[in-house]
Protein backbone atom coordinates (compact mmCIF):
# COMPACT_ATOMS: atom_id res chain seq x y z
CA MET A 1 -60.86 75.42 45.32
CA LEU A 2 -59.11 73.26 42.84
CA PHE A 3 -58.23 76.39 40.68
CA ASP A 4 -56.47 78.06 44.06
CA GLN A 5 -54.71 74.16 44.16
CA LEU A 6 -53.69 75.07 40.41
CA ILE A 7 -51.50 78.16 41.17
CA LEU A 8 -50.77 76.45 44.71
CA PHE A 9 -48.80 74.50 42.44
CA VAL A 10 -47.77 76.33 39.35
CA ILE A 11 -46.34 78.75 41.97
CA SER A 12 -44.37 75.82 44.01
CA LEU A 13 -42.33 74.34 40.67
CA ILE A 14 -41.69 77.59 39.75
CA ALA A 15 -40.55 79.23 43.03
CA ASN A 16 -38.18 75.76 43.97
CA THR A 17 -36.91 74.77 40.87
CA LEU A 18 -35.52 78.58 40.72
CA SER A 19 -34.94 78.45 44.85
CA SER A 20 -33.37 75.02 43.59
CA LEU A 21 -30.87 76.15 41.23
CA ALA A 22 -29.67 79.45 43.50
CA GLY A 23 -29.23 77.75 46.80
CA GLY A 24 -31.85 79.35 47.66
CA GLY A 25 -35.31 82.26 47.73
CA ALA A 26 -38.18 79.50 47.35
CA GLY A 27 -39.99 82.33 49.76
CA LEU A 28 -39.88 84.95 46.83
CA LEU A 29 -42.59 83.92 45.25
CA GLN A 30 -43.84 81.21 47.24
CA LEU A 31 -44.90 82.76 51.05
CA PRO A 32 -46.04 86.32 48.97
CA ALA A 33 -48.15 84.08 46.71
CA ILE A 34 -49.81 82.19 49.78
CA ILE A 35 -50.78 85.63 51.79
CA PHE A 36 -51.91 86.92 48.63
CA LEU A 37 -54.42 84.10 48.11
CA GLY A 38 -55.65 84.52 51.84
CA LEU A 39 -53.76 83.08 54.53
CA PRO A 40 -52.66 85.21 57.55
CA PHE A 41 -48.62 85.85 57.77
CA SER A 42 -47.93 83.45 60.58
CA VAL A 43 -50.42 80.48 59.19
CA ALA A 44 -48.40 81.26 55.47
CA LEU A 45 -44.88 81.28 56.90
CA ALA A 46 -45.89 78.34 58.84
CA THR A 47 -47.62 76.04 56.03
CA HIS A 48 -44.83 77.36 53.58
CA LYS A 49 -42.06 75.98 55.84
CA VAL A 50 -43.86 72.59 56.19
CA ALA A 51 -43.65 72.50 51.94
CA SER A 52 -39.93 74.01 52.08
CA VAL A 53 -39.34 70.75 53.30
CA ALA A 54 -40.10 68.99 50.37
CA LEU A 55 -37.75 70.51 48.11
CA GLY A 56 -35.18 69.64 50.47
CA VAL A 57 -36.06 66.27 49.84
CA GLY A 58 -36.92 66.68 45.60
CA ALA A 59 -33.25 67.60 45.79
CA SER A 60 -31.46 65.24 48.02
CA ILE A 61 -32.71 62.56 45.44
CA LYS A 62 -30.34 64.34 43.09
CA HIS A 63 -28.10 65.25 45.26
CA LEU A 64 -27.33 62.21 47.51
CA LYS A 65 -26.60 59.84 44.32
CA HIS A 66 -23.76 62.29 43.28
CA GLY A 67 -21.96 62.47 46.30
CA GLN A 68 -20.17 64.82 48.30
CA PHE A 69 -21.04 65.67 51.44
CA LEU A 70 -18.28 65.77 54.33
CA PRO A 71 -19.94 64.37 58.11
CA ALA A 72 -17.60 67.65 59.61
CA LEU A 73 -19.65 69.99 57.40
CA VAL A 74 -23.06 68.36 57.83
CA LEU A 75 -22.54 68.93 61.97
CA ILE A 76 -22.28 71.80 62.09
CA MET A 77 -24.63 72.70 60.06
CA ILE A 78 -27.26 70.35 62.26
CA VAL A 79 -25.52 71.99 65.97
CA GLY A 80 -24.33 75.93 64.74
CA ALA A 81 -27.89 75.97 63.29
CA LEU A 82 -30.86 74.50 64.25
CA PRO A 83 -30.34 76.64 67.88
CA GLY A 84 -31.17 79.69 65.88
CA VAL A 85 -33.87 78.40 63.73
CA ILE A 86 -35.84 77.23 66.38
CA LEU A 87 -35.06 80.05 68.48
CA GLY A 88 -35.92 82.61 65.46
CA ALA A 89 -39.41 80.59 65.04
CA ASN A 90 -39.77 81.69 68.36
CA VAL A 91 -39.18 85.57 67.60
CA ILE A 92 -41.15 86.39 64.70
CA VAL A 93 -44.43 85.76 66.03
CA ASN A 94 -44.01 88.13 68.61
CA ILE A 95 -42.03 90.90 66.39
CA PRO A 96 -43.27 93.62 63.76
CA PRO A 97 -39.97 92.35 61.40
CA VAL A 98 -40.51 95.32 59.52
CA ILE A 99 -36.84 97.02 60.34
CA SER A 100 -35.74 93.95 59.62
CA LEU A 101 -37.11 93.14 56.65
CA TRP A 102 -35.34 96.64 55.08
CA ALA A 103 -32.42 95.16 56.68
CA LEU A 104 -32.59 91.68 55.58
CA GLY A 105 -34.06 93.25 52.20
CA ALA A 106 -30.39 95.22 51.61
CA LEU A 107 -28.21 92.02 52.59
CA THR A 108 -29.46 90.00 50.47
CA ILE A 109 -29.10 92.02 47.63
CA ALA A 110 -26.02 92.72 48.79
CA LEU A 111 -24.39 89.50 48.31
CA GLY A 112 -26.07 89.44 44.70
CA VAL A 113 -24.14 92.21 43.87
CA TYR A 114 -21.10 90.80 45.65
CA SER A 115 -21.25 88.52 43.44
CA ILE A 116 -21.73 90.22 40.34
CA PHE A 117 -17.78 92.24 41.05
CA LYS A 118 -16.26 88.41 41.89
CA PRO A 119 -16.76 86.94 38.30
CA GLN A 120 -14.10 83.96 39.70
CA LEU A 121 -15.95 83.22 42.85
CA GLY A 122 -17.14 79.77 43.46
CA GLN A 123 -16.47 78.55 39.99
CA SER A 124 -14.40 75.58 41.55
CA ASP A 125 -13.82 73.42 44.87
CA GLU A 126 -10.88 75.39 47.39
CA LEU A 127 -11.82 74.22 50.23
CA LYS A 128 -10.76 75.85 52.49
CA ASN A 129 -10.89 76.41 57.22
CA LEU A 130 -11.60 72.76 57.68
CA ASN A 131 -10.06 72.80 61.00
CA MET A 132 -11.74 73.64 64.85
CA ARG A 133 -11.50 77.18 64.22
CA GLY A 134 -12.87 77.35 61.09
CA TYR A 135 -15.37 75.01 62.45
CA VAL A 136 -16.07 77.33 65.07
CA ILE A 137 -16.64 80.33 63.03
CA GLY A 138 -18.54 78.81 60.28
CA SER A 139 -20.56 77.60 63.65
CA ILE A 140 -21.52 80.68 64.74
CA GLY A 141 -21.98 82.26 61.55
CA LEU A 142 -24.79 79.85 60.42
CA PHE A 143 -26.12 79.99 63.83
CA VAL A 144 -27.01 83.37 62.91
CA ILE A 145 -28.80 83.10 59.60
CA GLY A 146 -30.15 80.17 61.47
CA PHE A 147 -32.05 82.56 63.21
CA LEU A 148 -32.63 84.55 60.59
CA ASN A 149 -34.11 81.44 59.03
CA GLY A 150 -36.23 80.81 61.45
CA SER A 151 -38.13 84.63 61.61
CA LEU A 152 -38.08 85.59 58.33
CA THR A 153 -38.01 82.67 55.88
CA SER A 154 -37.17 84.45 52.84
CA GLY A 155 -33.71 84.15 50.93
CA THR A 156 -32.14 83.39 53.89
CA GLY A 157 -30.74 79.94 52.17
CA LEU A 158 -29.00 81.90 49.78
CA PHE A 159 -27.00 83.48 52.67
CA VAL A 160 -26.33 79.62 53.67
CA THR A 161 -24.93 79.50 49.88
CA MET A 162 -22.48 82.67 50.08
CA TRP A 163 -21.27 81.79 53.58
CA LEU A 164 -20.44 78.13 52.01
CA ILE A 165 -18.92 79.63 49.63
CA HIS A 166 -17.30 82.18 51.08
CA TRP A 167 -16.04 80.77 54.34
CA PHE A 168 -15.47 77.39 53.23
CA GLY A 169 -14.06 77.68 50.20
CA MET A 170 -17.14 75.59 48.14
CA GLY A 171 -18.51 76.05 44.60
CA TYR A 172 -21.70 77.06 44.00
CA GLY A 173 -22.79 73.88 42.58
CA ARG A 174 -21.45 71.98 46.39
CA ALA A 175 -23.12 74.82 48.37
CA VAL A 176 -25.87 74.99 46.85
CA SER A 177 -26.03 70.77 47.23
CA TYR A 178 -25.46 71.35 51.05
CA THR A 179 -27.96 73.95 51.37
CA LEU A 180 -30.83 72.71 49.57
CA VAL A 181 -30.39 68.86 51.54
CA MET A 182 -29.65 70.96 54.63
CA VAL A 183 -31.84 73.82 55.09
CA GLY A 184 -34.13 72.39 52.84
CA ILE A 185 -35.09 69.21 55.28
CA LEU A 186 -32.86 70.01 58.68
CA TRP A 187 -33.50 73.88 59.04
CA ASN A 188 -37.14 73.85 57.33
CA GLY A 189 -37.62 70.63 59.00
CA THR A 190 -37.13 72.70 62.46
CA GLY A 191 -39.11 75.77 61.62
CA ALA A 192 -41.88 74.09 60.39
CA ILE A 193 -42.42 72.05 63.43
CA THR A 194 -42.18 74.92 65.60
CA LEU A 195 -43.99 77.17 64.14
CA GLY A 196 -46.59 74.48 64.30
CA MET A 197 -46.98 74.75 67.32
CA ILE A 198 -47.35 77.94 68.35
CA SER A 199 -49.38 78.82 65.06
CA GLN A 200 -50.94 76.83 62.98
CA ILE A 201 -50.73 74.83 59.28
CA GLN A 202 -54.10 75.00 55.88
CA TRP A 203 -52.95 71.28 55.10
CA ASP A 204 -55.48 71.19 52.96
CA TRP A 205 -53.02 74.00 50.95
CA LEU A 206 -50.49 71.49 51.28
CA PRO A 207 -50.66 68.96 48.61
CA ALA A 208 -49.81 70.99 46.21
CA LEU A 209 -46.89 73.02 47.53
CA ILE A 210 -45.53 69.97 48.57
CA LEU A 211 -45.55 68.18 44.78
CA GLY A 212 -44.14 71.14 43.13
CA SER A 213 -41.46 71.56 45.93
CA LEU A 214 -40.48 67.96 45.39
CA LEU A 215 -40.80 68.64 41.44
CA GLY A 216 -39.14 71.75 42.08
CA GLY A 217 -36.48 71.01 44.10
CA TYR A 218 -35.42 67.16 41.64
CA LEU A 219 -35.44 69.55 38.60
CA GLY A 220 -33.57 72.22 39.67
CA ALA A 221 -31.11 69.75 41.11
CA TYR A 222 -30.48 67.70 38.18
CA LEU A 223 -29.74 71.35 36.05
CA VAL A 224 -27.10 72.04 39.42
CA ILE A 225 -24.74 69.02 38.50
CA ALA A 226 -26.29 68.90 34.80
CA LYS A 227 -25.08 72.87 33.60
CA GLY A 228 -22.72 73.39 36.62
CA ASN A 229 -21.28 76.37 38.69
CA SER A 230 -21.67 79.54 35.80
CA LEU A 231 -25.24 78.73 35.75
CA VAL A 232 -25.69 78.15 39.66
CA LYS A 233 -23.98 82.10 40.25
CA ARG A 234 -25.82 83.53 37.48
CA CYS A 235 -29.49 81.89 38.99
CA PHE A 236 -27.97 82.96 43.10
CA GLU A 237 -27.35 86.64 41.58
CA THR A 238 -30.02 87.09 40.01
CA LEU A 239 -32.43 85.43 42.72
CA THR A 240 -30.40 88.06 45.48
CA ILE A 241 -31.53 90.58 44.36
CA LEU A 242 -35.06 89.87 43.02
CA SER A 243 -35.87 88.75 46.74
CA GLY A 244 -34.01 91.06 48.41
CA LEU A 245 -36.49 93.53 46.33
CA SER A 246 -39.40 91.07 47.69
CA LEU A 247 -38.03 91.76 51.22
CA TRP A 248 -38.76 95.52 50.89
CA PHE A 249 -41.69 95.18 49.10
CA LYS A 250 -43.16 93.22 52.18
CA ALA A 251 -41.90 96.08 54.12
CA ILE A 252 -43.65 98.65 52.40
CA TRP A 253 -46.70 96.98 52.38
């Protein structure tokens, strides 16, 4: 039991440090590891969701001190996305996700490839679409991603990061800070509560997972602020491609 807790902590620390750097993808390592150690998918997903909230808390300690959040963008990430998260969390327990895993895997890999072929993408803050039309379209995009976050969980934070870069013109560093604080705490918290009500949570596994998430979130946030957009971009590209391949692997097995 102690050995399992140590494994969970190490995997959680690595997964959440990388996720905090790239703006998503903690489920790439953490969720499959929980399933491998013996939990059914729905229980593993709910347990992972709760632990992922700690990633947002750990990252927010550093990012909120840095101070770069616009109230309007925070609002649409709540109002636009949370209904999608709740809907997705209710859908996942009833629908086999194989087709969605293949499609989401392909889209996730495409994000990484797109970023690779756009060297200047997200290298600086050039905010745009900060008007009513922009907020409405931005909310629709976030609702769709929120649905994926609630249902499939793995790597959807990466979609939020890219959406914030593409639609609102953020640099990678700023986009990652929004993703980790908003998705990590509010989206995953909502998903965890919803899944906890319709499934169950493996509470005795959470201490190791939460500790790894907290430390990983803080460490990754520190590196984002210290090293800037270039490092974050490379981590994002790596994590998107690996996350997409992981989704395909889960679809096969």
